[in-house]
Amino acid sequence: MTYEFEGKTEKEAIENAANELGLQRDQFDVEILETQKKSLFKNGYVKIAVHTADDVETTASQNSSFAAASKVVANPVPQGEFEEKLVDFVQTIIEKMGYDAKVEVVFREEKKIGIKLNSQSSSILIGRKGKNLDALQLLANIYAGRLGHEEIRVILDTENYRIRREESLVRLAYTTADKVHQSHKSILLEPMNPFERRLIHTTLNDIPDIDTKSEGEGLYKQVRVLYKGFER
């Protein structure tokens, strides 16, 4: 399920969500929908969307942990029936797509498992803006749930795409903010998944005279970067 909350800061909005829903912080994912910085005539606020565990869209917001968690040394060979079935499932999907790939486990956490795809067709498996990789990751998470492990988040990556994409989005955020600050005209960015949108929001959250908000419906929404004040 998805809920919306507000607060003077992101931290306060998250605390409000946790208190009202009666959940621990690690039991839901947060997407920043809109930020309004405090000014002489307006109070600042942050609006967030909270995705609880039964919302399959929340899998996309776990991507950033792949880089840090993959540093943990892990046995790449599947351990136990669950991992064996999961790796075989991902391998089979890729083969049915007509491509070869070596699928291995790169990290394990209490409620998270990272899977790396080694393939000469990595660019195809990633797809435009990572949409193919996101789709494969979503299928892997749905399958994990059908195996009775709804609490496990499956994270897929190949060719360090997750890290490279994150760095690219941070650069895009700063470049866009600079253009908006100079022109005083808003800019609507490309459609992004929840994790990518949150990265844009948080990157620009502390930049004076710049606000952001999400627009659209569904999983892939767009972030609008606005000049705080009147646009020319």
Protein backbone atom coordinates (compact mmCIF):
# COMPACT_ATOMS: atom_id res chain seq x y z
CA MET A 1 0.00 0.00 0.00
CA THR A 2 1.04 3.63 -0.52
CA TYR A 3 0.39 6.51 1.88
CA GLU A 4 1.32 10.20 1.86
CA PHE A 5 2.62 12.23 4.80
CA GLU A 6 4.01 15.70 5.37
CA GLY A 7 6.44 17.28 7.82
CA LYS A 8 8.62 20.35 8.20
CA THR A 9 11.59 18.16 7.27
CA GLU A 10 12.06 14.76 5.64
CA LYS A 11 12.92 13.30 9.06
CA GLU A 12 9.75 14.67 10.63
CA ALA A 13 7.60 13.38 7.75
CA ILE A 14 9.13 9.90 8.14
CA GLU A 15 8.57 9.97 11.90
CA ASN A 16 4.93 10.97 11.33
CA ALA A 17 4.51 8.04 8.92
CA ALA A 18 6.09 5.55 11.33
CA ASN A 19 3.94 6.72 14.25
CA GLU A 20 0.65 6.74 12.35
CA LEU A 21 1.23 3.40 10.61
CA GLY A 22 2.72 1.75 13.68
CA LEU A 23 5.73 0.51 11.71
CA GLN A 24 9.47 0.46 12.23
CA ARG A 25 11.58 2.53 9.82
CA ASP A 26 12.94 -0.56 8.05
CA GLN A 27 9.42 -1.80 7.31
CA PHE A 28 8.65 0.77 4.61
CA ASP A 29 10.31 2.71 1.78
CA VAL A 30 10.10 6.46 1.34
CA GLU A 31 9.75 8.50 -1.83
CA ILE A 32 9.96 12.30 -1.64
CA LEU A 33 7.10 13.77 -3.67
CA GLU A 34 7.62 17.48 -3.09
CA THR A 35 9.79 19.87 -1.10
CA GLN A 36 9.04 23.48 -0.20
CA LYS A 37 11.84 25.41 1.45
CA LYS A 38 11.04 27.95 4.14
CA SER A 39 10.82 31.55 2.96
CA LEU A 40 9.73 34.89 4.36
CA PHE A 41 6.08 34.23 3.52
CA LYS A 42 5.87 30.43 3.49
CA ASN A 43 6.68 27.65 5.93
CA GLY A 44 8.86 24.88 4.60
CA TYR A 45 7.55 21.33 4.29
CA VAL A 46 8.36 17.97 2.76
CA LYS A 47 5.70 15.64 1.30
CA ILE A 48 6.58 11.95 1.10
CA ALA A 49 4.96 8.78 -0.20
CA VAL A 50 5.37 5.71 1.99
CA HIS A 51 5.37 2.31 0.29
CA THR A 52 4.77 -0.56 2.69
CA ALA A 53 6.18 -4.05 2.25
CA ASP A 54 3.27 -5.42 0.24
CA ASP A 55 3.78 -2.89 -2.53
CA VAL A 56 5.97 -4.55 -5.18
CA GLU A 57 7.09 -1.17 -6.47
CA THR A 58 9.30 -0.71 -3.40
CA THR A 59 11.88 -3.12 -4.83
CA ALA A 60 13.20 -0.37 -7.06
CA SER A 61 14.09 1.82 -4.11
CA GLN A 62 16.62 -0.72 -2.82
CA ASN A 63 19.05 -0.36 -5.71
CA SER A 64 21.50 2.00 -4.03
CA SER A 65 22.47 -0.58 -1.44
CA PHE A 66 24.00 -2.86 -4.08
CA ALA A 67 27.27 -0.95 -4.28
CA ALA A 68 27.90 -0.91 -0.54
CA ALA A 69 26.61 -4.38 0.22
CA SER A 70 28.47 -6.05 -2.65
CA LYS A 71 31.73 -5.22 -0.92
CA VAL A 72 30.91 -8.01 1.53
CA VAL A 73 32.69 -11.20 0.52
CA ALA A 74 30.10 -13.82 -0.42
CA ASN A 75 30.19 -17.33 -1.81
CA PRO A 76 28.87 -16.87 -5.37
CA VAL A 77 27.46 -20.40 -5.40
CA PRO A 78 23.76 -20.51 -4.33
CA GLN A 79 23.34 -21.68 -0.75
CA GLY A 80 20.20 -23.67 0.01
CA GLU A 81 17.06 -24.43 -1.97
CA PHE A 82 15.76 -20.84 -2.03
CA GLU A 83 18.92 -19.37 -3.55
CA GLU A 84 19.24 -22.26 -6.00
CA LYS A 85 15.69 -21.76 -7.27
CA LEU A 86 16.08 -17.98 -7.41
CA VAL A 87 19.34 -18.08 -9.38
CA ASP A 88 17.92 -20.74 -11.71
CA PHE A 89 14.80 -18.61 -12.25
CA VAL A 90 16.83 -15.53 -13.25
CA GLN A 91 19.11 -17.66 -15.43
CA THR A 92 16.12 -19.25 -17.19
CA ILE A 93 14.46 -15.91 -17.92
CA ILE A 94 17.63 -14.55 -19.51
CA GLU A 95 18.06 -17.69 -21.59
CA LYS A 96 14.46 -17.50 -22.78
CA MET A 97 15.21 -13.91 -23.83
CA GLY A 98 17.87 -15.40 -26.07
CA TYR A 99 20.98 -14.35 -24.15
CA ASP A 100 23.68 -16.02 -22.10
CA ALA A 101 24.66 -14.92 -18.61
CA LYS A 102 26.45 -16.24 -15.58
CA VAL A 103 24.25 -15.54 -12.55
CA GLU A 104 25.93 -15.45 -9.15
CA VAL A 105 25.28 -14.24 -5.63
CA VAL A 106 27.46 -11.28 -4.59
CA PHE A 107 26.11 -10.51 -1.13
CA ARG A 108 23.71 -11.78 1.49
CA GLU A 109 22.04 -9.84 4.29
CA GLU A 110 19.27 -10.72 6.71
CA LYS A 111 16.52 -9.46 4.41
CA LYS A 112 18.41 -8.78 1.21
CA ILE A 113 20.31 -10.69 -1.46
CA GLY A 114 22.37 -9.27 -4.30
CA ILE A 115 22.64 -11.07 -7.64
CA LYS A 116 25.11 -10.15 -10.37
CA LEU A 117 24.58 -10.89 -14.05
CA ASN A 118 27.81 -11.47 -15.99
CA SER A 119 26.99 -11.36 -19.68
CA GLN A 120 28.34 -10.17 -23.02
CA SER A 121 24.84 -8.80 -23.60
CA SER A 122 24.82 -6.62 -20.47
CA SER A 123 23.75 -3.50 -22.36
CA ILE A 124 20.62 -5.30 -23.56
CA LEU A 125 19.87 -6.73 -20.13
CA ILE A 126 20.16 -3.22 -18.69
CA GLY A 127 17.96 -1.63 -21.35
CA ARG A 128 17.19 2.04 -21.82
CA LYS A 129 17.61 3.85 -18.51
CA GLY A 130 17.80 0.47 -16.76
CA LYS A 131 14.21 -0.51 -17.49
CA ASN A 132 15.04 -4.07 -18.55
CA LEU A 133 17.14 -4.59 -15.43
CA ASP A 134 14.37 -3.13 -13.27
CA ALA A 135 11.86 -5.49 -14.91
CA LEU A 136 14.09 -8.52 -14.29
CA GLN A 137 14.55 -7.40 -10.69
CA LEU A 138 10.81 -7.04 -10.20
CA LEU A 139 10.19 -10.54 -11.56
CA ALA A 140 12.88 -11.95 -9.27
CA ASN A 141 11.24 -10.30 -6.25
CA ILE A 142 7.80 -11.61 -7.20
CA TYR A 143 9.25 -15.10 -7.60
CA ALA A 144 10.99 -14.85 -4.22
CA GLY A 145 7.60 -14.03 -2.71
CA ARG A 146 6.03 -17.08 -4.34
CA LEU A 147 8.76 -19.18 -2.76
CA GLY A 148 7.58 -17.93 0.63
CA HIS A 149 10.26 -15.25 1.11
CA GLU A 150 8.29 -12.01 0.76
CA GLU A 151 10.60 -10.41 3.34
CA ILE A 152 13.67 -10.85 1.12
CA ARG A 153 14.58 -8.04 -1.29
CA VAL A 154 16.37 -9.24 -4.43
CA ILE A 155 18.71 -6.73 -6.05
CA LEU A 156 20.03 -7.33 -9.57
CA ASP A 157 22.98 -5.56 -11.18
CA THR A 158 25.37 -5.96 -14.09
CA GLU A 159 28.46 -4.02 -15.16
CA ASN A 160 28.07 -1.84 -12.02
CA TYR A 161 25.10 -0.14 -13.69
CA ARG A 162 23.48 0.84 -10.39
CA ILE A 163 26.54 2.83 -9.30
CA ARG A 164 27.05 4.48 -12.70
CA ARG A 165 23.38 5.43 -12.94
CA GLU A 166 23.40 6.99 -9.49
CA GLU A 167 26.47 9.11 -10.30
CA SER A 168 24.86 10.19 -13.59
CA LEU A 169 21.64 11.26 -11.85
CA VAL A 170 23.50 13.33 -9.26
CA ARG A 171 25.30 15.19 -12.07
CA LEU A 172 21.98 15.65 -13.88
CA ALA A 173 20.37 17.06 -10.73
CA TYR A 174 23.06 19.70 -10.22
CA THR A 175 23.19 20.65 -13.90
CA THR A 176 19.41 21.02 -14.06
CA ALA A 177 19.31 23.08 -10.87
CA ASP A 178 21.90 25.44 -12.31
CA LYS A 179 19.85 25.90 -15.50
CA VAL A 180 16.67 26.51 -13.51
CA HIS A 181 18.44 29.01 -11.23
CA GLN A 182 19.69 30.99 -14.22
CA SER A 183 16.51 30.93 -16.29
CA HIS A 184 13.92 30.91 -13.46
CA LYS A 185 12.03 28.38 -15.61
CA SER A 186 11.10 24.89 -14.44
CA ILE A 187 12.50 21.78 -16.12
CA LEU A 188 10.73 18.41 -16.28
CA LEU A 189 13.12 15.46 -16.16
CA GLU A 190 12.73 12.06 -17.80
CA PRO A 191 10.51 9.38 -16.19
CA MET A 192 12.30 7.64 -13.30
CA ASN A 193 11.62 4.87 -10.80
CA PRO A 194 11.02 5.72 -7.10
CA PHE A 195 14.68 5.34 -6.06
CA GLU A 196 15.92 7.58 -8.88
CA ARG A 197 13.34 10.27 -8.11
CA ARG A 198 14.25 10.25 -4.44
CA LEU A 199 17.91 10.69 -5.36
CA ILE A 200 17.05 13.82 -7.37
CA HIS A 201 14.90 15.21 -4.54
CA THR A 202 17.49 14.65 -1.82
CA THR A 203 20.39 15.94 -3.95
CA LEU A 204 18.64 19.27 -4.51
CA ASN A 205 16.90 19.53 -1.14
CA ASP A 206 19.39 21.99 0.37
CA ILE A 207 20.01 24.18 -2.68
CA PRO A 208 18.59 27.70 -2.16
CA ASP A 209 15.81 28.85 -4.50
CA ILE A 210 15.25 25.35 -5.91
CA ASP A 211 12.23 23.10 -5.29
CA THR A 212 11.32 19.70 -6.71
CA LYS A 213 8.12 17.69 -7.07
CA SER A 214 7.06 14.44 -8.71
CA GLU A 215 4.47 14.45 -11.48
CA GLY A 216 2.57 11.68 -13.24
CA GLU A 217 1.07 8.30 -12.38
CA GLY A 218 2.43 4.79 -12.01
CA LEU A 219 5.90 3.55 -11.16
CA TYR A 220 7.80 5.78 -13.58
CA LYS A 221 7.02 9.40 -12.74
CA GLN A 222 8.85 12.60 -13.66
CA VAL A 223 10.57 15.09 -11.39
CA ARG A 224 10.00 18.78 -12.05
CA VAL A 225 12.78 21.10 -10.87
CA LEU A 226 11.41 24.57 -10.11
CA TYR A 227 12.73 27.98 -9.21
CA LYS A 228 11.41 28.98 -5.81
CA GLY A 229 9.50 32.14 -6.55
CA PHE A 230 7.97 33.49 -9.69
CA GLU A 231 9.01 32.00 -12.98
CA ARG A 232 9.69 34.20 -15.93
